[in-house]
């Protein structure tokens, strides 16, 4: 079963990204095979790459990071009813 990540945006939008093999390979190449050393960033990268490649995210990676609040394993939420594996994103600043 493919990894499914749930992305929550600052504006309240929530979307799921089914991580493709292409996204997994791109992440391995980007992090030179050391995904465990960059667990948080790798999760964000996988979500962004999947959404970006599918045309559902126009922003580049760093602006994408500014637009999200968290990325979680969507299957954990649906199977366990919790977000224990939440990977918190940056807290948006308010003017």
C-alpha atoms as a PDB file:
ATOM      1  CA  UNK A   1       0.000   0.000   0.000  1.00  0.00           C
ATOM      2  CA  UNK A   2       1.300   3.430  -0.937  1.00  0.00           C
ATOM      3  CA  UNK A   3       2.107   6.022   1.717  1.00  0.00           C
ATOM      4  CA  UNK A   4      -0.603   8.658   2.011  1.00  0.00           C
ATOM      5  CA  UNK A   5       0.259  11.989   3.589  1.00  0.00           C
ATOM      6  CA  UNK A   6      -2.316  14.514   4.793  1.00  0.00           C
ATOM      7  CA  UNK A   7      -1.215  18.114   4.301  1.00  0.00           C
ATOM      8  CA  UNK A   8      -2.833  20.908   6.321  1.00  0.00           C
ATOM      9  CA  UNK A   9      -2.442  24.423   4.972  1.00  0.00           C
ATOM     10  CA  UNK A  10      -2.362  27.723   6.858  1.00  0.00           C
ATOM     11  CA  UNK A  11      -5.618  28.711   5.122  1.00  0.00           C
ATOM     12  CA  UNK A  12      -7.429  25.670   6.598  1.00  0.00           C
ATOM     13  CA  UNK A  13      -7.378  23.563   3.432  1.00  0.00           C
ATOM     14  CA  UNK A  14      -6.522  19.876   3.902  1.00  0.00           C
ATOM     15  CA  UNK A  15      -5.440  17.557   1.107  1.00  0.00           C
ATOM     16  CA  UNK A  16      -4.085  14.038   0.841  1.00  0.00           C
ATOM     17  CA  UNK A  17      -1.057  13.132  -1.246  1.00  0.00           C
ATOM     18  CA  UNK A  18      -0.532   9.515  -2.298  1.00  0.00           C
ATOM     19  CA  UNK A  19       3.241   9.280  -2.511  1.00  0.00           C
ATOM     20  CA  UNK A  20       4.300   7.890  -5.864  1.00  0.00           C
ATOM     21  CA  UNK A  21       7.389   5.809  -6.594  1.00  0.00           C
ATOM     22  CA  UNK A  22       8.731   8.840  -8.513  1.00  0.00           C
ATOM     23  CA  UNK A  23       8.394  10.991  -5.375  1.00  0.00           C
ATOM     24  CA  UNK A  24      10.170   8.358  -3.292  1.00  0.00           C
ATOM     25  CA  UNK A  25      13.062   8.169  -5.746  1.00  0.00           C
ATOM     26  CA  UNK A  26      13.241  11.974  -5.995  1.00  0.00           C
ATOM     27  CA  UNK A  27      13.461  12.193  -2.186  1.00  0.00           C
ATOM     28  CA  UNK A  28      16.198   9.564  -2.055  1.00  0.00           C
ATOM     29  CA  UNK A  29      18.153  11.452  -4.696  1.00  0.00           C
ATOM     30  CA  UNK A  30      17.563  14.819  -3.013  1.00  0.00           C
ATOM     31  CA  UNK A  31      18.737  13.522   0.373  1.00  0.00           C
ATOM     32  CA  UNK A  32      21.399  11.236  -1.098  1.00  0.00           C
ATOM     33  CA  UNK A  33      19.724   8.150   0.393  1.00  0.00           C
ATOM     34  CA  UNK A  34      19.778   9.486   3.953  1.00  0.00           C
ATOM     35  CA  UNK A  35      16.038   9.967   4.526  1.00  0.00           C
ATOM     36  CA  UNK A  36      16.255   8.887   8.166  1.00  0.00           C
ATOM     37  CA  UNK A  37      18.732  11.697   8.853  1.00  0.00           C
ATOM     38  CA  UNK A  38      16.201  14.213   7.488  1.00  0.00           C
ATOM     39  CA  UNK A  39      12.921  12.645   8.602  1.00  0.00           C
ATOM     40  CA  UNK A  40      10.919  15.853   9.031  1.00  0.00           C
ATOM     41  CA  UNK A  41      12.180  17.566   5.883  1.00  0.00           C
ATOM     42  CA  UNK A  42      11.856  14.319   3.902  1.00  0.00           C
ATOM     43  CA  UNK A  43       8.168  14.031   4.847  1.00  0.00           C
ATOM     44  CA  UNK A  44       7.547  17.602   3.735  1.00  0.00           C
ATOM     45  CA  UNK A  45       9.507  16.982   0.536  1.00  0.00           C
ATOM     46  CA  UNK A  46       7.530  13.817  -0.261  1.00  0.00           C
ATOM     47  CA  UNK A  47       4.233  15.647   0.218  1.00  0.00           C
ATOM     48  CA  UNK A  48       5.362  18.670  -1.804  1.00  0.00           C
ATOM     49  CA  UNK A  49       6.886  16.650  -4.645  1.00  0.00           C
ATOM     50  CA  UNK A  50       3.769  14.496  -4.976  1.00  0.00           C
ATOM     51  CA  UNK A  51       1.418  17.492  -5.029  1.00  0.00           C
ATOM     52  CA  UNK A  52       3.715  19.594  -7.223  1.00  0.00           C
ATOM     53  CA  UNK A  53       4.207  16.864  -9.830  1.00  0.00           C
ATOM     54  CA  UNK A  54       0.455  16.175  -9.991  1.00  0.00           C
ATOM     55  CA  UNK A  55      -0.256  19.875 -10.608  1.00  0.00           C
ATOM     56  CA  UNK A  56      -1.969  20.373  -7.241  1.00  0.00           C
ATOM     57  CA  UNK A  57       0.784  22.564  -5.766  1.00  0.00           C
ATOM     58  CA  UNK A  58       2.237  25.388  -7.848  1.00  0.00           C
ATOM     59  CA  UNK A  59       4.646  26.746  -5.242  1.00  0.00           C
ATOM     60  CA  UNK A  60       8.286  25.781  -5.056  1.00  0.00           C
ATOM     61  CA  UNK A  61       9.401  23.770  -2.020  1.00  0.00           C
ATOM     62  CA  UNK A  62      10.321  26.571   0.389  1.00  0.00           C
ATOM     63  CA  UNK A  63       7.186  28.682  -0.256  1.00  0.00           C
ATOM     64  CA  UNK A  64       5.187  25.451   0.189  1.00  0.00           C
ATOM     65  CA  UNK A  65       6.746  25.087   3.661  1.00  0.00           C
ATOM     66  CA  UNK A  66       5.521  28.572   4.567  1.00  0.00           C
ATOM     67  CA  UNK A  67       1.992  27.669   3.459  1.00  0.00           C
ATOM     68  CA  UNK A  68       1.500  24.512   5.582  1.00  0.00           C
ATOM     69  CA  UNK A  69       0.929  23.814   9.261  1.00  0.00           C
ATOM     70  CA  UNK A  70       1.541  20.065   9.341  1.00  0.00           C
ATOM     71  CA  UNK A  71       2.011  16.851   7.399  1.00  0.00           C
ATOM     72  CA  UNK A  72       0.749  13.601   8.920  1.00  0.00           C
ATOM     73  CA  UNK A  73       0.394   9.987   7.869  1.00  0.00           C
ATOM     74  CA  UNK A  74      -3.226   9.939   6.657  1.00  0.00           C
ATOM     75  CA  UNK A  75      -3.601   6.210   7.229  1.00  0.00           C
ATOM     76  CA  UNK A  76      -2.621   6.581  10.912  1.00  0.00           C
ATOM     77  CA  UNK A  77      -5.413   9.098  11.387  1.00  0.00           C
ATOM     78  CA  UNK A  78      -8.027   6.922   9.703  1.00  0.00           C
ATOM     79  CA  UNK A  79      -6.919   3.641  11.291  1.00  0.00           C
ATOM     80  CA  UNK A  80      -6.146   4.888  14.797  1.00  0.00           C
ATOM     81  CA  UNK A  81      -8.206   8.052  15.074  1.00  0.00           C
ATOM     82  CA  UNK A  82      -5.179  10.103  16.102  1.00  0.00           C
ATOM     83  CA  UNK A  83      -2.341  12.052  14.599  1.00  0.00           C
ATOM     84  CA  UNK A  84       0.435  10.573  16.736  1.00  0.00           C
ATOM     85  CA  UNK A  85       2.859  10.785  13.838  1.00  0.00           C
ATOM     86  CA  UNK A  86       2.183  14.462  13.154  1.00  0.00           C
ATOM     87  CA  UNK A  87       5.144  16.364  11.851  1.00  0.00           C
ATOM     88  CA  UNK A  88       4.547  19.955  12.764  1.00  0.00           C
ATOM     89  CA  UNK A  89       5.321  22.640  10.239  1.00  0.00           C
ATOM     90  CA  UNK A  90       6.282  26.224  10.855  1.00  0.00           C
ATOM     91  CA  UNK A  91       3.882  28.339  12.835  1.00  0.00           C
ATOM     92  CA  UNK A  92       2.594  31.130  10.606  1.00  0.00           C
ATOM     93  CA  UNK A  93       3.287  34.632  11.792  1.00  0.00           C
ATOM     94  CA  UNK A  94       0.543  37.214  11.824  1.00  0.00           C
ATOM     95  CA  UNK A  95       1.188  40.798  10.820  1.00  0.00           C
END
